[in-house]
Amino acid sequence: MHHVLARAVRAVSVPKPAFLSTFSQVPSGFVQTPSTLARPPILFNPYDALDAVLENMRLSSEPLPGMQLVGRNSRKPKKANHGKRPCSHVRRRSRRLK
């Protein structure tokens, strides 16, 4: 019985999954037009955007506000205890309840 099932399984043609194909033939749905073949790849360079902003600022001939180019450091929150040791919540609670 086992050899009959093995012969039946071999007789059935199973298509290969896409990841096992050898890419020797291009699928019929994958047709590229000449315009997409000739188009260069678009690469994003973050320094180009920064250069464009700085060039526009230079050409605008307006004075820059003092903190405009500071970046993230200007938004850093201030420490509440100003470098001192943190006080315990027990002492603060006892002073508040007096």
C-alpha atoms as a PDB file:
ATOM      1  CA  MET A   1       0.000   0.000   0.000  1.00  0.00           C
ATOM      2  CA  HIS A   2       2.853   2.393   0.855  1.00  0.00           C
ATOM      3  CA  HIS A   3       4.504   2.095  -2.577  1.00  0.00           C
ATOM      4  CA  VAL A   4       1.178   2.878  -4.288  1.00  0.00           C
ATOM      5  CA  LEU A   5       0.821   6.117  -2.317  1.00  0.00           C
ATOM      6  CA  ALA A   6       4.429   7.092  -3.025  1.00  0.00           C
ATOM      7  CA  ARG A   7       3.923   6.548  -6.776  1.00  0.00           C
ATOM      8  CA  ALA A   8       0.695   8.617  -6.684  1.00  0.00           C
ATOM      9  CA  VAL A   9       2.426  11.466  -4.873  1.00  0.00           C
ATOM     10  CA  ARG A  10       5.274  11.510  -7.436  1.00  0.00           C
ATOM     11  CA  ALA A  11       2.774  11.582 -10.304  1.00  0.00           C
ATOM     12  CA  VAL A  12       1.101  14.742  -8.998  1.00  0.00           C
ATOM     13  CA  SER A  13       2.923  17.858 -10.178  1.00  0.00           C
ATOM     14  CA  VAL A  14       3.281  20.397  -7.390  1.00  0.00           C
ATOM     15  CA  PRO A  15       4.359  23.934  -8.332  1.00  0.00           C
ATOM     16  CA  LYS A  16       7.497  25.188  -6.600  1.00  0.00           C
ATOM     17  CA  PRO A  17       7.116  27.960  -4.064  1.00  0.00           C
ATOM     18  CA  ALA A  18       8.409  31.363  -5.133  1.00  0.00           C
ATOM     19  CA  PHE A  19      11.385  31.258  -2.769  1.00  0.00           C
ATOM     20  CA  LEU A  20      12.629  27.998  -4.373  1.00  0.00           C
ATOM     21  CA  SER A  21      12.490  29.251  -7.949  1.00  0.00           C
ATOM     22  CA  THR A  22      15.735  29.873  -9.802  1.00  0.00           C
ATOM     23  CA  PHE A  23      14.571  33.142 -11.378  1.00  0.00           C
ATOM     24  CA  SER A  24      15.513  31.854 -14.813  1.00  0.00           C
ATOM     25  CA  GLN A  25      12.217  33.168 -16.189  1.00  0.00           C
ATOM     26  CA  VAL A  26      10.598  36.491 -15.432  1.00  0.00           C
ATOM     27  CA  PRO A  27       6.916  36.119 -14.464  1.00  0.00           C
ATOM     28  CA  SER A  28       4.463  37.428 -17.027  1.00  0.00           C
ATOM     29  CA  GLY A  29       2.997  39.960 -14.574  1.00  0.00           C
ATOM     30  CA  PHE A  30       6.423  41.467 -13.898  1.00  0.00           C
ATOM     31  CA  VAL A  31       6.980  43.673 -16.921  1.00  0.00           C
ATOM     32  CA  GLN A  32       8.977  46.860 -16.515  1.00  0.00           C
ATOM     33  CA  THR A  33       8.487  49.798 -18.781  1.00  0.00           C
ATOM     34  CA  PRO A  34      11.542  51.588 -20.195  1.00  0.00           C
ATOM     35  CA  SER A  35      10.791  54.664 -18.079  1.00  0.00           C
ATOM     36  CA  THR A  36      11.132  52.696 -14.827  1.00  0.00           C
ATOM     37  CA  LEU A  37      14.315  51.018 -16.028  1.00  0.00           C
ATOM     38  CA  ALA A  38      16.018  54.310 -16.908  1.00  0.00           C
ATOM     39  CA  ARG A  39      15.029  56.095 -13.689  1.00  0.00           C
ATOM     40  CA  PRO A  40      17.925  56.413 -11.222  1.00  0.00           C
ATOM     41  CA  PRO A  41      17.326  55.219  -7.663  1.00  0.00           C
ATOM     42  CA  ILE A  42      16.176  57.875  -5.226  1.00  0.00           C
ATOM     43  CA  LEU A  43      18.487  58.057  -2.238  1.00  0.00           C
ATOM     44  CA  PHE A  44      17.538  60.186   0.744  1.00  0.00           C
ATOM     45  CA  ASN A  45      20.407  62.136   2.200  1.00  0.00           C
ATOM     46  CA  PRO A  46      19.412  64.008   5.384  1.00  0.00           C
ATOM     47  CA  TYR A  47      22.316  66.431   4.953  1.00  0.00           C
ATOM     48  CA  ASP A  48      20.832  67.675   1.662  1.00  0.00           C
ATOM     49  CA  ALA A  49      17.695  68.826   3.493  1.00  0.00           C
ATOM     50  CA  LEU A  50      19.782  70.570   6.143  1.00  0.00           C
ATOM     51  CA  ASP A  51      21.940  72.236   3.489  1.00  0.00           C
ATOM     52  CA  ALA A  52      18.814  73.484   1.711  1.00  0.00           C
ATOM     53  CA  VAL A  53      17.417  74.985   4.925  1.00  0.00           C
ATOM     54  CA  LEU A  54      20.702  76.665   5.796  1.00  0.00           C
ATOM     55  CA  GLU A  55      21.079  78.044   2.263  1.00  0.00           C
ATOM     56  CA  ASN A  56      17.542  79.498   2.365  1.00  0.00           C
ATOM     57  CA  MET A  57      18.294  81.100   5.727  1.00  0.00           C
ATOM     58  CA  ARG A  58      21.521  82.598   4.350  1.00  0.00           C
ATOM     59  CA  LEU A  59      19.747  84.024   1.306  1.00  0.00           C
ATOM     60  CA  SER A  60      16.867  85.511   3.305  1.00  0.00           C
ATOM     61  CA  SER A  61      19.210  88.161   4.848  1.00  0.00           C
ATOM     62  CA  GLU A  62      17.216  88.282   8.094  1.00  0.00           C
ATOM     63  CA  PRO A  63      19.006  88.079  11.448  1.00  0.00           C
ATOM     64  CA  LEU A  64      18.720  84.721  13.174  1.00  0.00           C
ATOM     65  CA  PRO A  65      17.032  84.471  16.567  1.00  0.00           C
ATOM     66  CA  GLY A  66      19.507  83.415  19.218  1.00  0.00           C
ATOM     67  CA  MET A  67      18.143  79.967  20.040  1.00  0.00           C
ATOM     68  CA  GLN A  68      16.959  78.914  16.581  1.00  0.00           C
ATOM     69  CA  LEU A  69      19.871  76.580  15.827  1.00  0.00           C
ATOM     70  CA  VAL A  70      20.298  75.173  19.331  1.00  0.00           C
ATOM     71  CA  GLY A  71      18.244  72.031  18.680  1.00  0.00           C
ATOM     72  CA  ARG A  72      17.226  69.580  21.382  1.00  0.00           C
ATOM     73  CA  ASN A  73      19.222  71.212  24.188  1.00  0.00           C
ATOM     74  CA  SER A  74      16.868  74.184  24.233  1.00  0.00           C
ATOM     75  CA  ARG A  75      13.963  71.861  25.107  1.00  0.00           C
ATOM     76  CA  LYS A  76      15.738  70.062  27.952  1.00  0.00           C
ATOM     77  CA  PRO A  77      13.685  70.295  31.166  1.00  0.00           C
ATOM     78  CA  LYS A  78      15.269  71.976  34.168  1.00  0.00           C
ATOM     79  CA  LYS A  79      16.002  69.967  37.275  1.00  0.00           C
ATOM     80  CA  ALA A  80      13.736  70.780  40.194  1.00  0.00           C
ATOM     81  CA  ASN A  81      16.341  70.432  42.949  1.00  0.00           C
ATOM     82  CA  HIS A  82      19.089  72.400  41.108  1.00  0.00           C
ATOM     83  CA  GLY A  83      21.806  69.842  41.800  1.00  0.00           C
ATOM     84  CA  LYS A  84      21.064  69.378  45.507  1.00  0.00           C
ATOM     85  CA  ARG A  85      20.393  66.007  47.086  1.00  0.00           C
ATOM     86  CA  PRO A  86      16.813  64.806  46.653  1.00  0.00           C
ATOM     87  CA  CYS A  87      14.773  65.098  49.801  1.00  0.00           C
ATOM     88  CA  SER A  88      12.868  62.116  51.110  1.00  0.00           C
ATOM     89  CA  HIS A  89       9.134  62.005  50.731  1.00  0.00           C
ATOM     90  CA  VAL A  90       8.708  61.245  54.455  1.00  0.00           C
ATOM     91  CA  ARG A  91      10.323  64.522  55.535  1.00  0.00           C
ATOM     92  CA  ARG A  92       8.382  66.535  52.974  1.00  0.00           C
ATOM     93  CA  ARG A  93       5.130  64.926  54.092  1.00  0.00           C
ATOM     94  CA  SER A  94       5.809  65.641  57.775  1.00  0.00           C
ATOM     95  CA  ARG A  95       6.581  69.300  57.005  1.00  0.00           C
ATOM     96  CA  ARG A  96       3.414  69.590  54.927  1.00  0.00           C
ATOM     97  CA  LEU A  97       1.166  68.082  57.636  1.00  0.00           C
ATOM     98  CA  LYS A  98       2.410  70.393  60.462  1.00  0.00           C
END
